[in-house]
PDB file of N, CA and C in Angstrom:
ATOM      1  N   MET A   1     165.344  23.222  91.805  1.00  0.00           N
ATOM      2  CA  MET A   1     163.924  22.574  91.464  1.00  0.00           C
ATOM      3  C   MET A   1     163.405  23.097  90.076  1.00  0.00           C
ATOM      4  N   LYS A   2     163.521  24.406  89.893  1.00  0.00           N
ATOM      5  CA  LYS A   2     163.236  24.874  88.652  1.00  0.00           C
ATOM      6  C   LYS A   2     163.512  24.285  87.297  1.00  0.00           C
ATOM      7  N   ASN A   3     164.844  23.932  87.542  1.00  0.00           N
ATOM      8  CA  ASN A   3     165.602  23.396  86.476  1.00  0.00           C
ATOM      9  C   ASN A   3     164.667  21.681  86.304  1.00  0.00           C
ATOM     10  N   LYS A   4     164.466  21.093  87.248  1.00  0.00           N
ATOM     11  CA  LYS A   4     163.991  19.801  87.152  1.00  0.00           C
ATOM     12  C   LYS A   4     162.520  19.811  86.625  1.00  0.00           C
ATOM     13  N   TRP A   5     161.596  20.861  86.665  1.00  0.00           N
ATOM     14  CA  TRP A   5     160.373  21.107  86.243  1.00  0.00           C
ATOM     15  C   TRP A   5     160.605  21.359  84.749  1.00  0.00           C
ATOM     16  N   ILE A   6     161.606  22.119  84.423  1.00  0.00           N
ATOM     17  CA  ILE A   6     161.716  22.689  82.873  1.00  0.00           C
ATOM     18  C   ILE A   6     162.516  21.146  82.113  1.00  0.00           C
ATOM     19  N   ASN A   7     163.218  20.443  83.068  1.00  0.00           N
ATOM     20  CA  ASN A   7     163.547  19.081  82.261  1.00  0.00           C
ATOM     21  C   ASN A   7     162.265  18.110  82.109  1.00  0.00           C
ATOM     22  N   VAL A   8     161.321  17.981  83.160  1.00  0.00           N
ATOM     23  CA  VAL A   8     160.134  17.309  82.933  1.00  0.00           C
ATOM     24  C   VAL A   8     159.505  17.937  81.669  1.00  0.00           C
ATOM     25  N   LEU A   9     159.141  19.044  81.647  1.00  0.00           N
ATOM     26  CA  LEU A   9     158.168  19.597  80.623  1.00  0.00           C
ATOM     27  C   LEU A   9     158.872  19.461  79.474  1.00  0.00           C
ATOM     28  N   MET A  10     160.050  19.607  79.062  1.00  0.00           N
ATOM     29  CA  MET A  10     160.913  19.408  78.065  1.00  0.00           C
ATOM     30  C   MET A  10     160.721  17.810  77.505  1.00  0.00           C
ATOM     31  N   LEU A  11     160.743  17.125  78.487  1.00  0.00           N
ATOM     32  CA  LEU A  11     160.549  15.665  78.104  1.00  0.00           C
ATOM     33  C   LEU A  11     159.399  15.170  77.765  1.00  0.00           C
ATOM     34  N   LEU A  12     158.374  15.734  78.333  1.00  0.00           N
ATOM     35  CA  LEU A  12     156.891  15.607  78.097  1.00  0.00           C
ATOM     36  C   LEU A  12     156.532  16.045  76.648  1.00  0.00           C
ATOM     37  N   ALA A  13     157.169  17.141  76.369  1.00  0.00           N
ATOM     38  CA  ALA A  13     157.062  17.676  74.828  1.00  0.00           C
ATOM     39  C   ALA A  13     157.715  16.791  73.733  1.00  0.00           C
ATOM     40  N   VAL A  14     158.814  16.306  74.297  1.00  0.00           N
ATOM     41  CA  VAL A  14     159.506  15.088  73.141  1.00  0.00           C
ATOM     42  C   VAL A  14     158.547  14.011  73.040  1.00  0.00           C
ATOM     43  N   VAL A  15     157.936  13.529  74.042  1.00  0.00           N
ATOM     44  CA  VAL A  15     157.270  12.342  73.975  1.00  0.00           C
ATOM     45  C   VAL A  15     155.903  12.773  73.189  1.00  0.00           C
ATOM     46  N   LEU A  16     155.231  13.876  73.474  1.00  0.00           N
ATOM     47  CA  LEU A  16     154.016  14.336  72.744  1.00  0.00           C
ATOM     48  C   LEU A  16     154.406  14.611  71.135  1.00  0.00           C
ATOM     49  N   LEU A  17     155.653  14.877  70.890  1.00  0.00           N
ATOM     50  CA  LEU A  17     156.068  15.109  69.528  1.00  0.00           C
ATOM     51  C   LEU A  17     156.061  13.987  68.663  1.00  0.00           C
ATOM     52  N   VAL A  18     156.378  12.914  69.717  1.00  0.00           N
ATOM     53  CA  VAL A  18     156.732  11.354  68.901  1.00  0.00           C
ATOM     54  C   VAL A  18     155.365  10.940  68.682  1.00  0.00           C
ATOM     55  N   VAL A  19     154.490  10.993  69.804  1.00  0.00           N
ATOM     56  CA  VAL A  19     153.410   9.991  70.023  1.00  0.00           C
ATOM     57  C   VAL A  19     152.156  10.510  69.146  1.00  0.00           C
ATOM     58  N   LEU A  20     151.842  11.754  69.299  1.00  0.00           N
ATOM     59  CA  LEU A  20     150.743  12.489  68.706  1.00  0.00           C
ATOM     60  C   LEU A  20     150.704  12.280  67.231  1.00  0.00           C
ATOM     61  N   PRO A  21     151.753  12.493  66.484  1.00  0.00           N
ATOM     62  CA  PRO A  21     151.574  12.242  65.039  1.00  0.00           C
ATOM     63  C   PRO A  21     151.165  10.796  64.761  1.00  0.00           C
ATOM     64  N   LEU A  22     151.837   9.761  65.479  1.00  0.00           N
ATOM     65  CA  LEU A  22     151.513   8.540  65.142  1.00  0.00           C
ATOM     66  C   LEU A  22     149.955   7.987  65.362  1.00  0.00           C
ATOM     67  N   LEU A  23     149.237   8.874  66.494  1.00  0.00           N
ATOM     68  CA  LEU A  23     147.964   8.644  66.862  1.00  0.00           C
ATOM     69  C   LEU A  23     147.041   9.497  65.916  1.00  0.00           C
ATOM     70  N   LEU A  24     147.615  10.524  65.438  1.00  0.00           N
ATOM     71  CA  LEU A  24     146.608  11.499  64.796  1.00  0.00           C
ATOM     72  C   LEU A  24     146.561  11.291  63.367  1.00  0.00           C
ATOM     73  N   VAL A  25     147.524  10.552  62.742  1.00  0.00           N
ATOM     74  CA  VAL A  25     147.855  10.409  61.263  1.00  0.00           C
ATOM     75  C   VAL A  25     147.158   9.156  60.854  1.00  0.00           C
ATOM     76  N   ASN A  26     146.355   9.064  59.897  1.00  0.00           N
ATOM     77  CA  ASN A  26     145.723   7.705  59.599  1.00  0.00           C
ATOM     78  C   ASN A  26     146.072   7.621  58.255  1.00  0.00           C
ATOM     79  N   GLY A  27     146.431   6.210  57.831  1.00  0.00           N
ATOM     80  CA  GLY A  27     147.108   5.768  56.484  1.00  0.00           C
ATOM     81  C   GLY A  27     148.394   5.450  56.502  1.00  0.00           C
ATOM     82  N   GLU A  28     148.757   5.220  55.274  1.00  0.00           N
ATOM     83  CA  GLU A  28     149.998   4.826  54.891  1.00  0.00           C
ATOM     84  C   GLU A  28     151.039   5.812  54.848  1.00  0.00           C
ATOM     85  N   PHE A  29     152.442   5.598  55.449  1.00  0.00           N
ATOM     86  CA  PHE A  29     153.324   6.817  54.839  1.00  0.00           C
ATOM     87  C   PHE A  29     153.995   6.259  53.817  1.00  0.00           C
ATOM     88  N   GLY A  30     154.013   7.118  52.758  1.00  0.00           N
ATOM     89  CA  GLY A  30     154.673   6.595  51.462  1.00  0.00           C
ATOM     90  C   GLY A  30     155.724   7.718  51.143  1.00  0.00           C
ATOM     91  N   GLY A  31     156.777   7.275  50.188  1.00  0.00           N
ATOM     92  CA  GLY A  31     157.943   8.037  49.900  1.00  0.00           C
ATOM     93  C   GLY A  31     157.348   8.894  48.576  1.00  0.00           C
ATOM     94  N   ALA A  32     158.423   9.827  48.282  1.00  0.00           N
ATOM     95  CA  ALA A  32     158.261  10.469  47.049  1.00  0.00           C
ATOM     96  C   ALA A  32     158.483   9.570  45.879  1.00  0.00           C
ATOM     97  N   ASP A  33     159.372   8.700  45.978  1.00  0.00           N
ATOM     98  CA  ASP A  33     159.410   7.769  44.936  1.00  0.00           C
ATOM     99  C   ASP A  33     158.263   7.223  44.383  1.00  0.00           C
ATOM    100  N   GLU A  34     157.267   6.527  45.534  1.00  0.00           N
ATOM    101  CA  GLU A  34     156.135   5.995  45.237  1.00  0.00           C
ATOM    102  C   GLU A  34     155.099   6.762  44.745  1.00  0.00           C
ATOM    103  N   ALA A  35     155.155   8.097  45.092  1.00  0.00           N
ATOM    104  CA  ALA A  35     154.342   8.945  44.448  1.00  0.00           C
ATOM    105  C   ALA A  35     154.499   9.390  42.998  1.00  0.00           C
ATOM    106  N   ALA A  36     155.926   9.678  42.794  1.00  0.00           N
ATOM    107  CA  ALA A  36     156.216   9.968  41.345  1.00  0.00           C
ATOM    108  C   ALA A  36     155.990   8.768  40.432  1.00  0.00           C
ATOM    109  N   GLU A  37     156.164   7.679  40.697  1.00  0.00           N
ATOM    110  CA  GLU A  37     155.875   6.551  40.189  1.00  0.00           C
ATOM    111  C   GLU A  37     154.345   6.752  39.726  1.00  0.00           C
ATOM    112  N   GLY A  38     153.583   6.807  40.645  1.00  0.00           N
ATOM    113  CA  GLY A  38     152.020   6.789  40.461  1.00  0.00           C
ATOM    114  C   GLY A  38     151.625   8.056  39.499  1.00  0.00           C
ATOM    115  N   VAL A  39     152.444   9.193  39.497  1.00  0.00           N
ATOM    116  CA  VAL A  39     151.881  10.257  38.790  1.00  0.00           C
ATOM    117  C   VAL A  39     152.472   9.672  37.175  1.00  0.00           C
ATOM    118  N   ILE A  40     153.688   9.235  37.098  1.00  0.00           N
ATOM    119  CA  ILE A  40     154.108   8.994  35.740  1.00  0.00           C
ATOM    120  C   ILE A  40     153.572   7.993  35.064  1.00  0.00           C
ATOM    121  N   THR A  41     153.014   6.820  35.716  1.00  0.00           N
ATOM    122  CA  THR A  41     152.073   5.834  35.248  1.00  0.00           C
ATOM    123  C   THR A  41     150.775   6.406  34.828  1.00  0.00           C
ATOM    124  N   GLU A  42     150.495   7.326  35.661  1.00  0.00           N
ATOM    125  CA  GLU A  42     149.071   7.947  35.249  1.00  0.00           C
ATOM    126  C   GLU A  42     148.905   8.822  33.883  1.00  0.00           C
ATOM    127  N   ILE A  43     150.312   9.199  33.635  1.00  0.00           N
ATOM    128  CA  ILE A  43     150.356  10.269  32.606  1.00  0.00           C
ATOM    129  C   ILE A  43     150.729   9.323  31.332  1.00  0.00           C
ATOM    130  N   ASN A  44     151.530   8.176  31.624  1.00  0.00           N
ATOM    131  CA  ASN A  44     151.934   7.521  30.271  1.00  0.00           C
ATOM    132  C   ASN A  44     152.144   6.147  30.873  1.00  0.00           C
ATOM    133  N   PRO A  45     150.949   5.332  30.855  1.00  0.00           N
ATOM    134  CA  PRO A  45     150.991   3.864  31.272  1.00  0.00           C
ATOM    135  C   PRO A  45     152.002   3.037  30.720  1.00  0.00           C
ATOM    136  N   ALA A  46     152.477   3.393  29.528  1.00  0.00           N
ATOM    137  CA  ALA A  46     153.388   2.713  28.706  1.00  0.00           C
ATOM    138  C   ALA A  46     154.830   3.078  29.167  1.00  0.00           C
ATOM    139  N   TYR A  47     155.337   3.710  29.902  1.00  0.00           N
ATOM    140  CA  TYR A  47     156.712   4.067  30.493  1.00  0.00           C
ATOM    141  C   TYR A  47     157.305   3.038  30.956  1.00  0.00           C
ATOM    142  N   LYS A  48     158.345   2.692  30.601  1.00  0.00           N
ATOM    143  CA  LYS A  48     159.329   1.660  31.250  1.00  0.00           C
ATOM    144  C   LYS A  48     160.412   2.322  31.732  1.00  0.00           C
ATOM    145  N   PRO A  49     160.841   1.947  33.071  1.00  0.00           N
ATOM    146  CA  PRO A  49     161.929   2.580  33.983  1.00  0.00           C
ATOM    147  C   PRO A  49     163.364   2.391  33.148  1.00  0.00           C
ATOM    148  N   TRP A  50     164.275   3.192  33.105  1.00  0.00           N
ATOM    149  CA  TRP A  50     165.595   3.091  32.455  1.00  0.00           C
ATOM    150  C   TRP A  50     166.438   2.185  33.089  1.00  0.00           C
ATOM    151  N   PHE A  51     166.361   1.738  34.391  1.00  0.00           N
ATOM    152  CA  PHE A  51     167.196   0.750  35.066  1.00  0.00           C
ATOM    153  C   PHE A  51     166.181   0.077  36.358  1.00  0.00           C
ATOM    154  N   LYS A  52     166.736  -0.797  36.882  1.00  0.00           N
ATOM    155  CA  LYS A  52     166.015  -1.324  38.144  1.00  0.00           C
ATOM    156  C   LYS A  52     166.987  -1.382  39.098  1.00  0.00           C
ATOM    157  N   PRO A  53     166.491  -1.331  40.143  1.00  0.00           N
ATOM    158  CA  PRO A  53     167.446  -1.325  41.521  1.00  0.00           C
ATOM    159  C   PRO A  53     168.045  -2.559  41.649  1.00  0.00           C
ATOM    160  N   LEU A  54     169.205  -2.336  42.462  1.00  0.00           N
ATOM    161  CA  LEU A  54     170.210  -3.420  42.394  1.00  0.00           C
ATOM    162  C   LEU A  54     169.854  -4.449  43.583  1.00  0.00           C
ATOM    163  N   ALA A  55     169.026  -3.707  44.347  1.00  0.00           N
ATOM    164  CA  ALA A  55     168.404  -4.814  45.352  1.00  0.00           C
ATOM    165  C   ALA A  55     167.018  -4.479  45.790  1.00  0.00           C
ATOM    166  N   GLU A  56     165.876  -5.219  46.118  1.00  0.00           N
ATOM    167  CA  GLU A  56     164.777  -4.792  46.631  1.00  0.00           C
ATOM    168  C   GLU A  56     164.636  -4.817  47.949  1.00  0.00           C
ATOM    169  N   LEU A  57     164.841  -3.638  48.698  1.00  0.00           N
ATOM    170  CA  LEU A  57     164.678  -3.818  50.124  1.00  0.00           C
ATOM    171  C   LEU A  57     163.350  -3.697  50.821  1.00  0.00           C
ATOM    172  N   PRO A  58     162.993  -4.506  51.836  1.00  0.00           N
ATOM    173  CA  PRO A  58     161.710  -4.287  52.662  1.00  0.00           C
ATOM    174  C   PRO A  58     161.715  -2.678  53.050  1.00  0.00           C
ATOM    175  N   GLY A  59     160.426  -2.077  53.232  1.00  0.00           N
ATOM    176  CA  GLY A  59     160.255  -0.680  53.500  1.00  0.00           C
ATOM    177  C   GLY A  59     160.803  -0.374  54.695  1.00  0.00           C
ATOM    178  N   GLU A  60     161.168  -1.402  55.870  1.00  0.00           N
ATOM    179  CA  GLU A  60     161.551  -0.975  57.070  1.00  0.00           C
ATOM    180  C   GLU A  60     163.197  -0.842  57.053  1.00  0.00           C
ATOM    181  N   THR A  61     163.731  -1.824  56.273  1.00  0.00           N
ATOM    182  CA  THR A  61     165.285  -1.687  55.832  1.00  0.00           C
ATOM    183  C   THR A  61     165.340  -0.165  54.955  1.00  0.00           C
ATOM    184  N   GLU A  62     164.590   0.075  54.152  1.00  0.00           N
ATOM    185  CA  GLU A  62     164.683   1.104  53.202  1.00  0.00           C
ATOM    186  C   GLU A  62     164.564   2.580  54.237  1.00  0.00           C
ATOM    187  N   SER A  63     163.800   2.553  55.048  1.00  0.00           N
ATOM    188  CA  SER A  63     163.576   3.452  55.959  1.00  0.00           C
ATOM    189  C   SER A  63     164.787   3.834  56.799  1.00  0.00           C
ATOM    190  N   MET A  64     165.220   2.653  57.569  1.00  0.00           N
ATOM    191  CA  MET A  64     166.223   2.462  58.116  1.00  0.00           C
ATOM    192  C   MET A  64     167.667   3.071  57.817  1.00  0.00           C
ATOM    193  N   LEU A  65     168.110   2.637  56.527  1.00  0.00           N
ATOM    194  CA  LEU A  65     169.025   3.187  55.676  1.00  0.00           C
ATOM    195  C   LEU A  65     168.778   4.616  55.576  1.00  0.00           C
ATOM    196  N   PHE A  66     167.685   5.260  55.014  1.00  0.00           N
ATOM    197  CA  PHE A  66     167.542   6.645  54.941  1.00  0.00           C
ATOM    198  C   PHE A  66     167.626   7.488  56.301  1.00  0.00           C
ATOM    199  N   ALA A  67     167.184   6.825  57.352  1.00  0.00           N
ATOM    200  CA  ALA A  67     167.386   7.503  58.530  1.00  0.00           C
ATOM    201  C   ALA A  67     168.909   7.722  59.099  1.00  0.00           C
ATOM    202  N   LEU A  68     169.635   6.377  58.844  1.00  0.00           N
ATOM    203  CA  LEU A  68     170.978   6.441  59.014  1.00  0.00           C
ATOM    204  C   LEU A  68     171.712   7.601  58.237  1.00  0.00           C
ATOM    205  N   GLN A  69     171.249   7.553  56.989  1.00  0.00           N
ATOM    206  CA  GLN A  69     172.102   8.450  55.918  1.00  0.00           C
ATOM    207  C   GLN A  69     171.763   9.958  56.737  1.00  0.00           C
ATOM    208  N   ALA A  70     170.399  10.265  56.984  1.00  0.00           N
ATOM    209  CA  ALA A  70     170.106  11.580  57.556  1.00  0.00           C
ATOM    210  C   ALA A  70     171.131  11.831  58.775  1.00  0.00           C
ATOM    211  N   ALA A  71     171.018  10.914  59.568  1.00  0.00           N
ATOM    212  CA  ALA A  71     171.960  11.144  60.961  1.00  0.00           C
ATOM    213  C   ALA A  71     173.421  11.227  60.686  1.00  0.00           C
ATOM    214  N   LEU A  72     174.230  10.404  59.741  1.00  0.00           N
ATOM    215  CA  LEU A  72     175.393  10.780  59.176  1.00  0.00           C
ATOM    216  C   LEU A  72     175.397  12.172  58.677  1.00  0.00           C
ATOM    217  N   GLY A  73     174.808  12.426  57.562  1.00  0.00           N
ATOM    218  CA  GLY A  73     174.857  13.784  57.495  1.00  0.00           C
ATOM    219  C   GLY A  73     174.725  14.677  58.347  1.00  0.00           C
ATOM    220  N   ALA A  74     173.911  14.857  59.374  1.00  0.00           N
ATOM    221  CA  ALA A  74     173.631  15.903  60.488  1.00  0.00           C
ATOM    222  C   ALA A  74     174.839  15.773  60.948  1.00  0.00           C
ATOM    223  N   GLY A  75     175.450  14.595  61.404  1.00  0.00           N
ATOM    224  CA  GLY A  75     176.572  14.618  62.361  1.00  0.00           C
ATOM    225  C   GLY A  75     177.790  15.189  61.569  1.00  0.00           C
ATOM    226  N   VAL A  76     178.131  14.933  60.360  1.00  0.00           N
ATOM    227  CA  VAL A  76     178.871  15.611  59.683  1.00  0.00           C
ATOM    228  C   VAL A  76     178.764  17.104  59.426  1.00  0.00           C
ATOM    229  N   ILE A  77     177.706  17.678  59.341  1.00  0.00           N
ATOM    230  CA  ILE A  77     177.391  19.065  59.336  1.00  0.00           C
ATOM    231  C   ILE A  77     177.615  19.679  60.663  1.00  0.00           C
ATOM    232  N   GLY A  78     177.304  19.115  61.698  1.00  0.00           N
ATOM    233  CA  GLY A  78     177.491  19.547  62.864  1.00  0.00           C
ATOM    234  C   GLY A  78     178.888  19.355  63.501  1.00  0.00           C
ATOM    235  N   TYR A  79     179.532  18.614  63.092  1.00  0.00           N
ATOM    236  CA  TYR A  79     181.052  18.428  63.400  1.00  0.00           C
ATOM    237  C   TYR A  79     181.673  19.644  62.629  1.00  0.00           C
ATOM    238  N   THR A  80     181.370  19.809  61.397  1.00  0.00           N
ATOM    239  CA  THR A  80     182.008  20.892  60.399  1.00  0.00           C
ATOM    240  C   THR A  80     181.707  22.073  61.190  1.00  0.00           C
ATOM    241  N   LEU A  81     180.529  22.360  61.436  1.00  0.00           N
ATOM    242  CA  LEU A  81     180.029  23.861  61.908  1.00  0.00           C
ATOM    243  C   LEU A  81     180.850  24.049  63.326  1.00  0.00           C
ATOM    244  N   GLY A  82     180.944  23.128  64.187  1.00  0.00           N
ATOM    245  CA  GLY A  82     181.477  23.161  65.435  1.00  0.00           C
ATOM    246  C   GLY A  82     183.158  23.223  65.414  1.00  0.00           C
ATOM    247  N   LEU A  83     183.701  22.689  64.254  1.00  0.00           N
ATOM    248  CA  LEU A  83     185.056  22.946  64.362  1.00  0.00           C
ATOM    249  C   LEU A  83     185.465  24.337  63.629  1.00  0.00           C
ATOM    250  N   PHE A  84     184.593  24.848  62.811  1.00  0.00           N
ATOM    251  CA  PHE A  84     184.594  26.113  62.284  1.00  0.00           C
ATOM    252  C   PHE A  84     184.611  27.294  63.280  1.00  0.00           C
ATOM    253  N   LYS A  85     183.601  27.282  64.200  1.00  0.00           N
ATOM    254  CA  LYS A  85     183.203  27.905  65.287  1.00  0.00           C
ATOM    255  C   LYS A  85     184.413  27.970  66.274  1.00  0.00           C
ATOM    256  N   GLY A  86     184.866  26.635  66.447  1.00  0.00           N
ATOM    257  CA  GLY A  86     186.039  26.575  67.698  1.00  0.00           C
ATOM    258  C   GLY A  86     187.351  27.211  66.899  1.00  0.00           C
ATOM    259  N   ARG A  87     187.550  27.071  65.659  1.00  0.00           N
ATOM    260  CA  ARG A  87     188.576  27.806  65.025  1.00  0.00           C
ATOM    261  C   ARG A  87     188.458  29.421  65.171  1.00  0.00           C
ATOM    262  N   GLN A  88     187.417  29.762  64.919  1.00  0.00           N
ATOM    263  CA  GLN A  88     186.926  31.409  65.103  1.00  0.00           C
ATOM    264  C   GLN A  88     187.342  31.827  66.320  1.00  0.00           C
ATOM    265  N   ASP A  89     186.758  31.157  67.571  1.00  0.00           N
ATOM    266  CA  ASP A  89     186.713  31.321  68.728  1.00  0.00           C
ATOM    267  C   ASP A  89     188.366  31.432  69.093  1.00  0.00           C
ATOM    268  N   ARG A  90     189.126  30.379  68.772  1.00  0.00           N
ATOM    269  CA  ARG A  90     190.406  30.430  68.977  1.00  0.00           C
ATOM    270  C   ARG A  90     191.275  31.907  68.400  1.00  0.00           C
ATOM    271  N   GLN A  91     190.984  32.146  67.251  1.00  0.00           N
ATOM    272  CA  GLN A  91     191.577  33.241  66.794  1.00  0.00           C
ATOM    273  C   GLN A  91     191.132  34.198  67.306  1.00  0.00           C
ATOM    274  N   GLY A  92     190.191  34.671  67.741  1.00  0.00           N
ATOM    275  CA  GLY A  92     189.610  35.765  68.457  1.00  0.00           C
ATOM    276  C   GLY A  92     190.226  35.771  69.795  1.00  0.00           C
ATOM    277  N   ARG A  93     190.558  34.538  70.362  1.00  0.00           N
ATOM    278  CA  ARG A  93     191.292  34.857  71.829  1.00  0.00           C
ATOM    279  C   ARG A  93     192.658  35.211  71.377  1.00  0.00           C
ATOM    280  N   GLN A  94     193.306  34.646  70.481  1.00  0.00           N
ATOM    281  CA  GLN A  94     194.435  34.999  70.210  1.00  0.00           C
ATOM    282  C   GLN A  94     194.944  36.332  69.704  1.00  0.00           C
ATOM    283  N   LYS A  95     193.924  36.938  68.969  1.00  0.00           N
ATOM    284  CA  LYS A  95     193.813  38.334  68.747  1.00  0.00           C
ATOM    285  C   LYS A  95     193.715  39.177  69.925  1.00  0.00           C
ATOM    286  N   LEU A  96     192.846  38.689  70.874  1.00  0.00           N
ATOM    287  CA  LEU A  96     192.909  39.513  72.100  1.00  0.00           C
ATOM    288  C   LEU A  96     194.333  39.538  73.074  1.00  0.00           C
ATOM    289  N   ASN A  97     194.702  38.139  73.028  1.00  0.00           N
ATOM    290  CA  ASN A  97     195.969  38.012  73.695  1.00  0.00           C
ATOM    291  C   ASN A  97     197.054  39.027  73.194  1.00  0.00           C
ATOM    292  N   ASP A  98     197.226  38.791  71.963  1.00  0.00           N
ATOM    293  CA  ASP A  98     198.375  39.650  71.193  1.00  0.00           C
ATOM    294  C   ASP A  98     198.024  41.226  71.501  1.00  0.00           C
ATOM    295  N   GLN A  99     196.829  41.496  71.489  1.00  0.00           N
ATOM    296  CA  GLN A  99     196.494  43.265  71.676  1.00  0.00           C
ATOM    297  C   GLN A  99     196.908  43.743  72.902  1.00  0.00           C
ATOM    298  N   LYS A 100     196.765  42.448  74.160  1.00  0.00           N
ATOM    299  CA  LYS A 100     197.237  43.031  75.151  1.00  0.00           C
ATOM    300  C   LYS A 100     198.640  42.837  75.654  1.00  0.00           C
ATOM    301  N   ASN A 101     199.317  42.253  74.682  1.00  0.00           N
ATOM    302  CA  ASN A 101     200.884  42.193  74.912  1.00  0.00           C
ATOM    303  C   ASN A 101     201.274  43.001  74.142  1.00  0.00           C
TER     304      ASN A 101
END
């Protein structure tokens, strides 16, 4: 019964972490690229970019690709850490078995 309440509280906390920022933050969410472009234009209005993007993506698509990149990177890092930890545990068990024999 105690675990059920812990799970409910954790789920409620996750929902609050998702919903509260959306309700409390007013304004547009902008990226670092847009902010940098604004500052550069302020400093030097005649600045011309060195190259243009290959494709102009809508903001939602760009955000989705960024999130996908972050998720894939986190997956690779998590897998690698788990793999190394598993190898370390296996080597530790093997040493204990060797010491017993």
